[in-house]
Amino acid sequence: MKSYTDLEVYQLAYELAIEIHKMSMKLPKYELYEQGSQIRRSSKSIKDNIAEGFGRRRYKDEFVRFLIFAHSSCDETISQLNMISDIHFSKEPLTGLINKYDTLGRKLNSFIKYVETSWQT
């Protein structure tokens, strides 16, 4: 593995951050700088923490710490998605997107366990 871009969790986080960005731009203007901004930041934070952690992979504890930050940002994104869905998408809930982030969270959790137990620098 030469780059963080080779990691499945990074690739998924990147794709989902783009989906979130596009979805958030459909929110009412008054939400673009409130919840829209918050969910864009939390979703982008996932991929950024994976990338930063990978840069510190020689130090397993540092790598794990950043992966935990990524997982926390994933949880925050799910929380934001639930609220946005309930407020702005009640006719067509964002269930698919929420499920994708739930899958990402599970994959991140598995990857954290892998790095903790098996990661070789």
PDB file of N, CA and C in Angstrom:
ATOM      1  N   MET A   1       0.853  -1.172   0.000  1.00  0.00           N
ATOM      2  CA  MET A   1       0.000   0.000   0.000  1.00  0.00           C
ATOM      3  C   MET A   1       0.901   1.239   0.000  1.00  0.00           C
ATOM      4  N   LYS A   2       0.811   2.002  -1.066  1.00  0.00           N
ATOM      5  CA  LYS A   2       1.703   3.143  -1.210  1.00  0.00           C
ATOM      6  C   LYS A   2       1.087   4.459  -0.770  1.00  0.00           C
ATOM      7  N   SER A   3      -0.232   4.526  -0.786  1.00  0.00           N
ATOM      8  CA  SER A   3      -0.899   5.794  -0.523  1.00  0.00           C
ATOM      9  C   SER A   3      -2.215   5.562   0.212  1.00  0.00           C
ATOM     10  N   TYR A   4      -2.636   6.572   0.920  1.00  0.00           N
ATOM     11  CA  TYR A   4      -3.948   6.506   1.575  1.00  0.00           C
ATOM     12  C   TYR A   4      -5.058   6.340   0.550  1.00  0.00           C
ATOM     13  N   THR A   5      -4.819   6.769  -0.680  1.00  0.00           N
ATOM     14  CA  THR A   5      -5.844   6.631  -1.719  1.00  0.00           C
ATOM     15  C   THR A   5      -6.076   5.169  -2.100  1.00  0.00           C
ATOM     16  N   ASP A   6      -5.167   4.281  -1.681  1.00  0.00           N
ATOM     17  CA  ASP A   6      -5.345   2.852  -1.923  1.00  0.00           C
ATOM     18  C   ASP A   6      -6.297   2.213  -0.913  1.00  0.00           C
ATOM     19  N   LEU A   7      -6.579   2.902   0.176  1.00  0.00           N
ATOM     20  CA  LEU A   7      -7.438   2.358   1.232  1.00  0.00           C
ATOM     21  C   LEU A   7      -8.905   2.427   0.824  1.00  0.00           C
ATOM     22  N   GLU A   8      -9.605   1.310   0.966  1.00  0.00           N
ATOM     23  CA  GLU A   8     -11.032   1.268   0.648  1.00  0.00           C
ATOM     24  C   GLU A   8     -11.820   2.274   1.490  1.00  0.00           C
ATOM     25  N   VAL A   9     -11.465   2.403   2.770  1.00  0.00           N
ATOM     26  CA  VAL A   9     -12.201   3.347   3.629  1.00  0.00           C
ATOM     27  C   VAL A   9     -12.011   4.783   3.161  1.00  0.00           C
ATOM     28  N   TYR A  10     -10.824   5.103   2.661  1.00  0.00           N
ATOM     29  CA  TYR A  10     -10.601   6.455   2.134  1.00  0.00           C
ATOM     30  C   TYR A  10     -11.425   6.677   0.876  1.00  0.00           C
ATOM     31  N   GLN A  11     -11.392   5.727  -0.031  1.00  0.00           N
ATOM     32  CA  GLN A  11     -12.133   5.858  -1.287  1.00  0.00           C
ATOM     33  C   GLN A  11     -13.623   6.048  -1.035  1.00  0.00           C
ATOM     34  N   LEU A  12     -14.178   5.259  -0.124  1.00  0.00           N
ATOM     35  CA  LEU A  12     -15.596   5.379   0.209  1.00  0.00           C
ATOM     36  C   LEU A  12     -15.891   6.714   0.875  1.00  0.00           C
ATOM     37  N   ALA A  13     -15.036   7.124   1.805  1.00  0.00           N
ATOM     38  CA  ALA A  13     -15.233   8.408   2.489  1.00  0.00           C
ATOM     39  C   ALA A  13     -15.183   9.565   1.490  1.00  0.00           C
ATOM     40  N   TYR A  14     -14.283   9.489   0.534  1.00  0.00           N
ATOM     41  CA  TYR A  14     -14.151  10.539  -0.488  1.00  0.00           C
ATOM     42  C   TYR A  14     -15.424  10.618  -1.338  1.00  0.00           C
ATOM     43  N   GLU A  15     -15.890   9.457  -1.817  1.00  0.00           N
ATOM     44  CA  GLU A  15     -17.099   9.426  -2.646  1.00  0.00           C
ATOM     45  C   GLU A  15     -18.311   9.967  -1.875  1.00  0.00           C
ATOM     46  N   LEU A  16     -18.422   9.572  -0.617  1.00  0.00           N
ATOM     47  CA  LEU A  16     -19.559  10.029   0.186  1.00  0.00           C
ATOM     48  C   LEU A  16     -19.473  11.522   0.499  1.00  0.00           C
ATOM     49  N   ALA A  17     -18.267  12.045   0.678  1.00  0.00           N
ATOM     50  CA  ALA A  17     -18.111  13.484   0.923  1.00  0.00           C
ATOM     51  C   ALA A  17     -18.606  14.284  -0.291  1.00  0.00           C
ATOM     52  N   ILE A  18     -18.364  13.765  -1.470  1.00  0.00           N
ATOM     53  CA  ILE A  18     -18.864  14.419  -2.686  1.00  0.00           C
ATOM     54  C   ILE A  18     -20.387  14.359  -2.716  1.00  0.00           C
ATOM     55  N   GLU A  19     -20.958  13.206  -2.371  1.00  0.00           N
ATOM     56  CA  GLU A  19     -22.428  13.085  -2.323  1.00  0.00           C
ATOM     57  C   GLU A  19     -23.026  14.067  -1.322  1.00  0.00           C
ATOM     58  N   ILE A  20     -22.398  14.171  -0.159  1.00  0.00           N
ATOM     59  CA  ILE A  20     -22.881  15.093   0.868  1.00  0.00           C
ATOM     60  C   ILE A  20     -22.801  16.529   0.367  1.00  0.00           C
ATOM     61  N   HIS A  21     -21.710  16.869  -0.268  1.00  0.00           N
ATOM     62  CA  HIS A  21     -21.554  18.229  -0.775  1.00  0.00           C
ATOM     63  C   HIS A  21     -22.689  18.572  -1.741  1.00  0.00           C
ATOM     64  N   LYS A  22     -22.938  17.677  -2.674  1.00  0.00           N
ATOM     65  CA  LYS A  22     -23.994  17.915  -3.667  1.00  0.00           C
ATOM     66  C   LYS A  22     -25.363  17.998  -3.000  1.00  0.00           C
ATOM     67  N   MET A  23     -25.641  17.093  -2.063  1.00  0.00           N
ATOM     68  CA  MET A  23     -26.927  17.109  -1.367  1.00  0.00           C
ATOM     69  C   MET A  23     -27.093  18.397  -0.571  1.00  0.00           C
ATOM     70  N   SER A  24     -26.031  18.818   0.105  1.00  0.00           N
ATOM     71  CA  SER A  24     -26.137  19.996   0.973  1.00  0.00           C
ATOM     72  C   SER A  24     -26.378  21.277   0.186  1.00  0.00           C
ATOM     73  N   MET A  25     -25.960  21.293  -1.059  1.00  0.00           N
ATOM     74  CA  MET A  25     -26.177  22.491  -1.883  1.00  0.00           C
ATOM     75  C   MET A  25     -27.638  22.616  -2.319  1.00  0.00           C
ATOM     76  N   LYS A  26     -28.438  21.577  -2.074  1.00  0.00           N
ATOM     77  CA  LYS A  26     -29.874  21.614  -2.378  1.00  0.00           C
ATOM     78  C   LYS A  26     -30.696  22.102  -1.183  1.00  0.00           C
ATOM     79  N   LEU A  27     -30.038  22.312  -0.067  1.00  0.00           N
ATOM     80  CA  LEU A  27     -30.748  22.792   1.117  1.00  0.00           C
ATOM     81  C   LEU A  27     -31.192  24.237   0.905  1.00  0.00           C
ATOM     82  N   PRO A  28     -32.193  24.680   1.645  1.00  0.00           N
ATOM     83  CA  PRO A  28     -32.601  26.082   1.546  1.00  0.00           C
ATOM     84  C   PRO A  28     -31.423  27.009   1.874  1.00  0.00           C
ATOM     85  N   LYS A  29     -31.445  28.190   1.288  1.00  0.00           N
ATOM     86  CA  LYS A  29     -30.330  29.139   1.468  1.00  0.00           C
ATOM     87  C   LYS A  29     -29.982  29.363   2.932  1.00  0.00           C
ATOM     88  N   TYR A  30     -30.996  29.462   3.778  1.00  0.00           N
ATOM     89  CA  TYR A  30     -30.719  29.741   5.189  1.00  0.00           C
ATOM     90  C   TYR A  30     -29.995  28.584   5.884  1.00  0.00           C
ATOM     91  N   GLU A  31     -29.990  27.405   5.270  1.00  0.00           N
ATOM     92  CA  GLU A  31     -29.290  26.264   5.855  1.00  0.00           C
ATOM     93  C   GLU A  31     -27.899  26.051   5.258  1.00  0.00           C
ATOM     94  N   LEU A  32     -27.568  26.721   4.166  1.00  0.00           N
ATOM     95  CA  LEU A  32     -26.278  26.502   3.515  1.00  0.00           C
ATOM     96  C   LEU A  32     -25.112  26.766   4.459  1.00  0.00           C
ATOM     97  N   TYR A  33     -25.263  27.753   5.340  1.00  0.00           N
ATOM     98  CA  TYR A  33     -24.161  28.121   6.233  1.00  0.00           C
ATOM     99  C   TYR A  33     -24.376  27.626   7.650  1.00  0.00           C
ATOM    100  N   GLU A  34     -25.446  26.911   7.884  1.00  0.00           N
ATOM    101  CA  GLU A  34     -25.711  26.313   9.188  1.00  0.00           C
ATOM    102  C   GLU A  34     -25.449  24.813   9.073  1.00  0.00           C
ATOM    103  N   GLN A  35     -26.502  24.038   8.948  1.00  0.00           N
ATOM    104  CA  GLN A  35     -26.330  22.587   8.865  1.00  0.00           C
ATOM    105  C   GLN A  35     -25.603  22.169   7.598  1.00  0.00           C
ATOM    106  N   GLY A  36     -25.803  22.886   6.510  1.00  0.00           N
ATOM    107  CA  GLY A  36     -25.113  22.540   5.269  1.00  0.00           C
ATOM    108  C   GLY A  36     -23.602  22.587   5.440  1.00  0.00           C
ATOM    109  N   SER A  37     -23.129  23.669   6.029  1.00  0.00           N
ATOM    110  CA  SER A  37     -21.697  23.816   6.272  1.00  0.00           C
ATOM    111  C   SER A  37     -21.193  22.760   7.252  1.00  0.00           C
ATOM    112  N   GLN A  38     -21.954  22.525   8.306  1.00  0.00           N
ATOM    113  CA  GLN A  38     -21.539  21.563   9.326  1.00  0.00           C
ATOM    114  C   GLN A  38     -21.409  20.154   8.755  1.00  0.00           C
ATOM    115  N   ILE A  39     -22.376  19.741   7.960  1.00  0.00           N
ATOM    116  CA  ILE A  39     -22.305  18.373   7.421  1.00  0.00           C
ATOM    117  C   ILE A  39     -21.217  18.256   6.355  1.00  0.00           C
ATOM    118  N   ARG A  40     -20.973  19.314   5.608  1.00  0.00           N
ATOM    119  CA  ARG A  40     -19.862  19.266   4.638  1.00  0.00           C
ATOM    120  C   ARG A  40     -18.533  19.105   5.380  1.00  0.00           C
ATOM    121  N   ARG A  41     -18.368  19.841   6.480  1.00  0.00           N
ATOM    122  CA  ARG A  41     -17.119  19.744   7.235  1.00  0.00           C
ATOM    123  C   ARG A  41     -16.943  18.374   7.879  1.00  0.00           C
ATOM    124  N   SER A  42     -18.010  17.848   8.493  1.00  0.00           N
ATOM    125  CA  SER A  42     -17.868  16.550   9.157  1.00  0.00           C
ATOM    126  C   SER A  42     -17.611  15.436   8.144  1.00  0.00           C
ATOM    127  N   SER A  43     -18.268  15.491   6.992  1.00  0.00           N
ATOM    128  CA  SER A  43     -18.063  14.429   5.997  1.00  0.00           C
ATOM    129  C   SER A  43     -16.663  14.502   5.387  1.00  0.00           C
ATOM    130  N   LYS A  44     -16.168  15.699   5.154  1.00  0.00           N
ATOM    131  CA  LYS A  44     -14.817  15.850   4.593  1.00  0.00           C
ATOM    132  C   LYS A  44     -13.753  15.515   5.632  1.00  0.00           C
ATOM    133  N   SER A  45     -14.070  15.707   6.892  1.00  0.00           N
ATOM    134  CA  SER A  45     -13.140  15.396   7.968  1.00  0.00           C
ATOM    135  C   SER A  45     -12.811  13.908   8.017  1.00  0.00           C
ATOM    136  N   ILE A  46     -13.746  13.070   7.615  1.00  0.00           N
ATOM    137  CA  ILE A  46     -13.509  11.621   7.631  1.00  0.00           C
ATOM    138  C   ILE A  46     -12.334  11.285   6.722  1.00  0.00           C
ATOM    139  N   LYS A  47     -12.417  11.699   5.465  1.00  0.00           N
ATOM    140  CA  LYS A  47     -11.353  11.376   4.513  1.00  0.00           C
ATOM    141  C   LYS A  47     -10.040  12.059   4.900  1.00  0.00           C
ATOM    142  N   ASP A  48     -10.134  13.274   5.429  1.00  0.00           N
ATOM    143  CA  ASP A  48      -8.922  14.007   5.802  1.00  0.00           C
ATOM    144  C   ASP A  48      -8.198  13.357   6.982  1.00  0.00           C
ATOM    145  N   ASN A  49      -8.949  12.858   7.950  1.00  0.00           N
ATOM    146  CA  ASN A  49      -8.314  12.179   9.084  1.00  0.00           C
ATOM    147  C   ASN A  49      -7.702  10.849   8.667  1.00  0.00           C
ATOM    148  N   ILE A  50      -8.328  10.160   7.730  1.00  0.00           N
ATOM    149  CA  ILE A  50      -7.729   8.923   7.214  1.00  0.00           C
ATOM    150  C   ILE A  50      -6.404   9.255   6.531  1.00  0.00           C
ATOM    151  N   ALA A  51      -6.407  10.292   5.707  1.00  0.00           N
ATOM    152  CA  ALA A  51      -5.190  10.687   4.992  1.00  0.00           C
ATOM    153  C   ALA A  51      -4.093  11.119   5.967  1.00  0.00           C
ATOM    154  N   GLU A  52      -4.442  11.940   6.941  1.00  0.00           N
ATOM    155  CA  GLU A  52      -3.436  12.412   7.897  1.00  0.00           C
ATOM    156  C   GLU A  52      -2.896  11.256   8.738  1.00  0.00           C
ATOM    157  N   GLY A  53      -3.795  10.378   9.154  1.00  0.00           N
ATOM    158  CA  GLY A  53      -3.356   9.219   9.926  1.00  0.00           C
ATOM    159  C   GLY A  53      -2.418   8.326   9.130  1.00  0.00           C
ATOM    160  N   PHE A  54      -2.734   8.144   7.851  1.00  0.00           N
ATOM    161  CA  PHE A  54      -1.877   7.316   7.003  1.00  0.00           C
ATOM    162  C   PHE A  54      -0.479   7.917   6.918  1.00  0.00           C
ATOM    163  N   GLY A  55      -0.412   9.233   6.900  1.00  0.00           N
ATOM    164  CA  GLY A  55       0.887   9.907   6.878  1.00  0.00           C
ATOM    165  C   GLY A  55       1.707   9.644   8.132  1.00  0.00           C
ATOM    166  N   ARG A  56       1.055   9.225   9.208  1.00  0.00           N
ATOM    167  CA  ARG A  56       1.727   8.928  10.477  1.00  0.00           C
ATOM    168  C   ARG A  56       1.758   7.421  10.749  1.00  0.00           C
ATOM    169  N   ARG A  57       1.583   6.616   9.725  1.00  0.00           N
ATOM    170  CA  ARG A  57       1.423   5.174   9.894  1.00  0.00           C
ATOM    171  C   ARG A  57       2.627   4.485  10.515  1.00  0.00           C
ATOM    172  N   ARG A  58       3.789   5.116  10.479  1.00  0.00           N
ATOM    173  CA  ARG A  58       4.964   4.525  11.131  1.00  0.00           C
ATOM    174  C   ARG A  58       4.762   4.420  12.636  1.00  0.00           C
ATOM    175  N   TYR A  59       3.871   5.256  13.140  1.00  0.00           N
ATOM    176  CA  TYR A  59       3.552   5.268  14.571  1.00  0.00           C
ATOM    177  C   TYR A  59       2.121   4.767  14.718  1.00  0.00           C
ATOM    178  N   LYS A  60       1.979   3.482  14.952  1.00  0.00           N
ATOM    179  CA  LYS A  60       0.677   2.819  14.948  1.00  0.00           C
ATOM    180  C   LYS A  60      -0.344   3.554  15.820  1.00  0.00           C
ATOM    181  N   ASP A  61       0.056   3.990  17.007  1.00  0.00           N
ATOM    182  CA  ASP A  61      -0.880   4.670  17.903  1.00  0.00           C
ATOM    183  C   ASP A  61      -1.410   5.965  17.292  1.00  0.00           C
ATOM    184  N   GLU A  62      -0.554   6.670  16.591  1.00  0.00           N
ATOM    185  CA  GLU A  62      -0.983   7.910  15.921  1.00  0.00           C
ATOM    186  C   GLU A  62      -1.968   7.591  14.795  1.00  0.00           C
ATOM    187  N   PHE A  63      -1.664   6.573  14.028  1.00  0.00           N
ATOM    188  CA  PHE A  63      -2.537   6.159  12.940  1.00  0.00           C
ATOM    189  C   PHE A  63      -3.918   5.806  13.496  1.00  0.00           C
ATOM    190  N   VAL A  64      -3.941   5.003  14.542  1.00  0.00           N
ATOM    191  CA  VAL A  64      -5.208   4.602  15.158  1.00  0.00           C
ATOM    192  C   VAL A  64      -5.957   5.825  15.684  1.00  0.00           C
ATOM    193  N   ARG A  65      -5.237   6.750  16.293  1.00  0.00           N
ATOM    194  CA  ARG A  65      -5.881   7.953  16.831  1.00  0.00           C
ATOM    195  C   ARG A  65      -6.612   8.722  15.740  1.00  0.00           C
ATOM    196  N   PHE A  66      -5.994   8.883  14.586  1.00  0.00           N
ATOM    197  CA  PHE A  66      -6.639   9.610  13.494  1.00  0.00           C
ATOM    198  C   PHE A  66      -7.786   8.814  12.875  1.00  0.00           C
ATOM    199  N   LEU A  67      -7.655   7.493  12.864  1.00  0.00           N
ATOM    200  CA  LEU A  67      -8.768   6.671  12.387  1.00  0.00           C
ATOM    201  C   LEU A  67      -9.961   6.781  13.332  1.00  0.00           C
ATOM    202  N   ILE A  68      -9.699   6.906  14.620  1.00  0.00           N
ATOM    203  CA  ILE A  68     -10.785   7.107  15.589  1.00  0.00           C
ATOM    204  C   ILE A  68     -11.431   8.472  15.366  1.00  0.00           C
ATOM    205  N   PHE A  69     -10.624   9.482  15.070  1.00  0.00           N
ATOM    206  CA  PHE A  69     -11.194  10.797  14.726  1.00  0.00           C
ATOM    207  C   PHE A  69     -12.094  10.667  13.504  1.00  0.00           C
ATOM    208  N   ALA A  70     -11.642   9.911  12.504  1.00  0.00           N
ATOM    209  CA  ALA A  70     -12.446   9.701  11.289  1.00  0.00           C
ATOM    210  C   ALA A  70     -13.761   9.023  11.635  1.00  0.00           C
ATOM    211  N   HIS A  71     -13.709   8.024  12.500  1.00  0.00           N
ATOM    212  CA  HIS A  71     -14.922   7.315  12.906  1.00  0.00           C
ATOM    213  C   HIS A  71     -15.870   8.261  13.653  1.00  0.00           C
ATOM    214  N   SER A  72     -15.322   9.112  14.493  1.00  0.00           N
ATOM    215  CA  SER A  72     -16.148  10.089  15.221  1.00  0.00           C
ATOM    216  C   SER A  72     -16.820  11.063  14.254  1.00  0.00           C
ATOM    217  N   SER A  73     -16.093  11.494  13.240  1.00  0.00           N
ATOM    218  CA  SER A  73     -16.674  12.384  12.234  1.00  0.00           C
ATOM    219  C   SER A  73     -17.755  11.668  11.435  1.00  0.00           C
ATOM    220  N   CYS A  74     -17.592  10.379  11.235  1.00  0.00           N
ATOM    221  CA  CYS A  74     -18.618   9.585  10.555  1.00  0.00           C
ATOM    222  C   CYS A  74     -19.897   9.576  11.400  1.00  0.00           C
ATOM    223  N   ASP A  75     -19.743   9.362  12.709  1.00  0.00           N
ATOM    224  CA  ASP A  75     -20.908   9.393  13.600  1.00  0.00           C
ATOM    225  C   ASP A  75     -21.583  10.766  13.576  1.00  0.00           C
ATOM    226  N   GLU A  76     -20.772  11.821  13.574  1.00  0.00           N
ATOM    227  CA  GLU A  76     -21.329  13.176  13.516  1.00  0.00           C
ATOM    228  C   GLU A  76     -22.094  13.390  12.213  1.00  0.00           C
ATOM    229  N   THR A  77     -21.551  12.893  11.121  1.00  0.00           N
ATOM    230  CA  THR A  77     -22.210  13.034   9.826  1.00  0.00           C
ATOM    231  C   THR A  77     -23.556  12.315   9.820  1.00  0.00           C
ATOM    232  N   ILE A  78     -23.608  11.126  10.400  1.00  0.00           N
ATOM    233  CA  ILE A  78     -24.873  10.394  10.490  1.00  0.00           C
ATOM    234  C   ILE A  78     -25.883  11.185  11.318  1.00  0.00           C
ATOM    235  N   SER A  79     -25.435  11.756  12.415  1.00  0.00           N
ATOM    236  CA  SER A  79     -26.322  12.565  13.254  1.00  0.00           C
ATOM    237  C   SER A  79     -26.868  13.763  12.478  1.00  0.00           C
ATOM    238  N   GLN A  80     -26.009  14.440  11.750  1.00  0.00           N
ATOM    239  CA  GLN A  80     -26.428  15.577  10.930  1.00  0.00           C
ATOM    240  C   GLN A  80     -27.388  15.128   9.823  1.00  0.00           C
ATOM    241  N   LEU A  81     -27.084  13.998   9.191  1.00  0.00           N
ATOM    242  CA  LEU A  81     -27.954  13.476   8.129  1.00  0.00           C
ATOM    243  C   LEU A  81     -29.351  13.177   8.654  1.00  0.00           C
ATOM    244  N   ASN A  82     -29.431  12.586   9.830  1.00  0.00           N
ATOM    245  CA  ASN A  82     -30.738  12.286  10.410  1.00  0.00           C
ATOM    246  C   ASN A  82     -31.547  13.564  10.619  1.00  0.00           C
ATOM    247  N   MET A  83     -30.911  14.597  11.143  1.00  0.00           N
ATOM    248  CA  MET A  83     -31.621  15.849  11.391  1.00  0.00           C
ATOM    249  C   MET A  83     -32.034  16.516  10.078  1.00  0.00           C
ATOM    250  N   ILE A  84     -31.117  16.574   9.131  1.00  0.00           N
ATOM    251  CA  ILE A  84     -31.429  17.192   7.839  1.00  0.00           C
ATOM    252  C   ILE A  84     -32.541  16.413   7.142  1.00  0.00           C
ATOM    253  N   SER A  85     -32.477  15.101   7.217  1.00  0.00           N
ATOM    254  CA  SER A  85     -33.506  14.270   6.599  1.00  0.00           C
ATOM    255  C   SER A  85     -34.873  14.548   7.216  1.00  0.00           C
ATOM    256  N   ASP A  86     -34.929  14.601   8.538  1.00  0.00           N
ATOM    257  CA  ASP A  86     -36.198  14.838   9.227  1.00  0.00           C
ATOM    258  C   ASP A  86     -36.759  16.232   8.953  1.00  0.00           C
ATOM    259  N   ILE A  87     -35.892  17.216   8.845  1.00  0.00           N
ATOM    260  CA  ILE A  87     -36.349  18.600   8.656  1.00  0.00           C
ATOM    261  C   ILE A  87     -36.650  18.912   7.190  1.00  0.00           C
ATOM    262  N   HIS A  88     -35.763  18.507   6.291  1.00  0.00           N
ATOM    263  CA  HIS A  88     -35.843  18.977   4.903  1.00  0.00           C
ATOM    264  C   HIS A  88     -36.204  17.912   3.868  1.00  0.00           C
ATOM    265  N   PHE A  89     -36.135  16.652   4.235  1.00  0.00           N
ATOM    266  CA  PHE A  89     -36.381  15.596   3.259  1.00  0.00           C
ATOM    267  C   PHE A  89     -37.395  14.582   3.788  1.00  0.00           C
ATOM    268  N   SER A  90     -38.380  15.058   4.507  1.00  0.00           N
ATOM    269  CA  SER A  90     -39.335  14.133   5.133  1.00  0.00           C
ATOM    270  C   SER A  90     -40.131  13.332   4.105  1.00  0.00           C
ATOM    271  N   LYS A  91     -40.343  13.896   2.919  1.00  0.00           N
ATOM    272  CA  LYS A  91     -41.071  13.155   1.876  1.00  0.00           C
ATOM    273  C   LYS A  91     -40.187  12.106   1.215  1.00  0.00           C
ATOM    274  N   GLU A  92     -38.909  12.401   1.106  1.00  0.00           N
ATOM    275  CA  GLU A  92     -37.933  11.460   0.549  1.00  0.00           C
ATOM    276  C   GLU A  92     -36.730  11.425   1.482  1.00  0.00           C
ATOM    277  N   PRO A  93     -36.831  10.662   2.565  1.00  0.00           N
ATOM    278  CA  PRO A  93     -35.745  10.633   3.557  1.00  0.00           C
ATOM    279  C   PRO A  93     -34.405  10.236   2.947  1.00  0.00           C
ATOM    280  N   LEU A  94     -33.362  10.631   3.621  1.00  0.00           N
ATOM    281  CA  LEU A  94     -32.001  10.365   3.150  1.00  0.00           C
ATOM    282  C   LEU A  94     -31.505   9.010   3.643  1.00  0.00           C
ATOM    283  N   THR A  95     -32.387   8.039   3.677  1.00  0.00           N
ATOM    284  CA  THR A  95     -32.079   6.712   4.216  1.00  0.00           C
ATOM    285  C   THR A  95     -30.898   6.059   3.503  1.00  0.00           C
ATOM    286  N   GLY A  96     -30.841   6.161   2.190  1.00  0.00           N
ATOM    287  CA  GLY A  96     -29.751   5.545   1.430  1.00  0.00           C
ATOM    288  C   GLY A  96     -28.400   6.111   1.831  1.00  0.00           C
ATOM    289  N   LEU A  97     -28.335   7.412   1.961  1.00  0.00           N
ATOM    290  CA  LEU A  97     -27.086   8.067   2.353  1.00  0.00           C
ATOM    291  C   LEU A  97     -26.720   7.721   3.792  1.00  0.00           C
ATOM    292  N   ILE A  98     -27.710   7.680   4.662  1.00  0.00           N
ATOM    293  CA  ILE A  98     -27.464   7.299   6.055  1.00  0.00           C
ATOM    294  C   ILE A  98     -26.923   5.876   6.116  1.00  0.00           C
ATOM    295  N   ASN A  99     -27.503   4.982   5.336  1.00  0.00           N
ATOM    296  CA  ASN A  99     -27.033   3.590   5.306  1.00  0.00           C
ATOM    297  C   ASN A  99     -25.596   3.486   4.792  1.00  0.00           C
ATOM    298  N   LYS A 100     -25.247   4.309   3.804  1.00  0.00           N
ATOM    299  CA  LYS A 100     -23.879   4.291   3.279  1.00  0.00           C
ATOM    300  C   LYS A 100     -22.885   4.731   4.353  1.00  0.00           C
ATOM    301  N   TYR A 101     -23.265   5.734   5.142  1.00  0.00           N
ATOM    302  CA  TYR A 101     -22.378   6.184   6.218  1.00  0.00           C
ATOM    303  C   TYR A 101     -22.308   5.161   7.341  1.00  0.00           C
ATOM    304  N   ASP A 102     -23.402   4.452   7.575  1.00  0.00           N
ATOM    305  CA  ASP A 102     -23.377   3.378   8.561  1.00  0.00           C
ATOM    306  C   ASP A 102     -22.401   2.291   8.119  1.00  0.00           C
ATOM    307  N   THR A 103     -22.429   1.960   6.836  1.00  0.00           N
ATOM    308  CA  THR A 103     -21.483   0.983   6.288  1.00  0.00           C
ATOM    309  C   THR A 103     -20.054   1.486   6.424  1.00  0.00           C
ATOM    310  N   LEU A 104     -19.829   2.753   6.110  1.00  0.00           N
ATOM    311  CA  LEU A 104     -18.490   3.333   6.254  1.00  0.00           C
ATOM    312  C   LEU A 104     -18.032   3.236   7.705  1.00  0.00           C
ATOM    313  N   GLY A 105     -18.915   3.537   8.643  1.00  0.00           N
ATOM    314  CA  GLY A 105     -18.557   3.451  10.059  1.00  0.00           C
ATOM    315  C   GLY A 105     -18.141   2.040  10.452  1.00  0.00           C
ATOM    316  N   ARG A 106     -18.871   1.043   9.958  1.00  0.00           N
ATOM    317  CA  ARG A 106     -18.516  -0.349  10.253  1.00  0.00           C
ATOM    318  C   ARG A 106     -17.171  -0.713   9.633  1.00  0.00           C
ATOM    319  N   LYS A 107     -16.932  -0.245   8.411  1.00  0.00           N
ATOM    320  CA  LYS A 107     -15.652  -0.523   7.746  1.00  0.00           C
ATOM    321  C   LYS A 107     -14.498   0.169   8.486  1.00  0.00           C
ATOM    322  N   LEU A 108     -14.731   1.389   8.943  1.00  0.00           N
ATOM    323  CA  LEU A 108     -13.703   2.092   9.717  1.00  0.00           C
ATOM    324  C   LEU A 108     -13.404   1.344  11.016  1.00  0.00           C
ATOM    325  N   ASN A 109     -14.442   0.881  11.679  1.00  0.00           N
ATOM    326  CA  ASN A 109     -14.253   0.138  12.920  1.00  0.00           C
ATOM    327  C   ASN A 109     -13.428  -1.124  12.673  1.00  0.00           C
ATOM    328  N   SER A 110     -13.737  -1.840  11.609  1.00  0.00           N
ATOM    329  CA  SER A 110     -12.967  -3.043  11.258  1.00  0.00           C
ATOM    330  C   SER A 110     -11.531  -2.690  10.921  1.00  0.00           C
ATOM    331  N   PHE A 111     -11.336  -1.580  10.204  1.00  0.00           N
ATOM    332  CA  PHE A 111      -9.979  -1.173   9.829  1.00  0.00           C
ATOM    333  C   PHE A 111      -9.182  -0.764  11.059  1.00  0.00           C
ATOM    334  N   ILE A 112      -9.821  -0.081  11.998  1.00  0.00           N
ATOM    335  CA  ILE A 112      -9.139   0.291  13.247  1.00  0.00           C
ATOM    336  C   ILE A 112      -8.670  -0.968  13.963  1.00  0.00           C
ATOM    337  N   LYS A 113      -9.530  -1.959  14.060  1.00  0.00           N
ATOM    338  CA  LYS A 113      -9.155  -3.222  14.718  1.00  0.00           C
ATOM    339  C   LYS A 113      -7.998  -3.892  13.978  1.00  0.00           C
ATOM    340  N   TYR A 114      -8.040  -3.857  12.645  1.00  0.00           N
ATOM    341  CA  TYR A 114      -6.957  -4.440  11.856  1.00  0.00           C
ATOM    342  C   TYR A 114      -5.633  -3.719  12.132  1.00  0.00           C
ATOM    343  N   VAL A 115      -5.661  -2.401  12.123  1.00  0.00           N
ATOM    344  CA  VAL A 115      -4.427  -1.643  12.360  1.00  0.00           C
ATOM    345  C   VAL A 115      -3.906  -1.917  13.768  1.00  0.00           C
ATOM    346  N   GLU A 116      -4.801  -1.976  14.740  1.00  0.00           N
ATOM    347  CA  GLU A 116      -4.381  -2.229  16.125  1.00  0.00           C
ATOM    348  C   GLU A 116      -3.717  -3.589  16.290  1.00  0.00           C
ATOM    349  N   THR A 117      -4.180  -4.588  15.554  1.00  0.00           N
ATOM    350  CA  THR A 117      -3.696  -5.947  15.790  1.00  0.00           C
ATOM    351  C   THR A 117      -2.704  -6.461  14.751  1.00  0.00           C
ATOM    352  N   SER A 118      -2.782  -5.982  13.517  1.00  0.00           N
ATOM    353  CA  SER A 118      -2.020  -6.621  12.443  1.00  0.00           C
ATOM    354  C   SER A 118      -1.178  -5.679  11.595  1.00  0.00           C
ATOM    355  N   TRP A 119      -1.292  -4.394  11.785  1.00  0.00           N
ATOM    356  CA  TRP A 119      -0.626  -3.447  10.892  1.00  0.00           C
ATOM    357  C   TRP A 119       0.886  -3.541  11.020  1.00  0.00           C
ATOM    358  N   GLN A 120       1.541  -3.655   9.882  1.00  0.00           N
ATOM    359  CA  GLN A 120       3.009  -3.678   9.820  1.00  0.00           C
ATOM    360  C   GLN A 120       3.469  -2.458   9.037  1.00  0.00           C
ATOM    361  N   THR A 121       4.447  -1.755   9.557  1.00  0.00           N
ATOM    362  CA  THR A 121       4.973  -0.582   8.837  1.00  0.00           C
ATOM    363  C   THR A 121       6.015  -0.993   7.837  1.00  0.00           C
TER     364      THR A 121
END
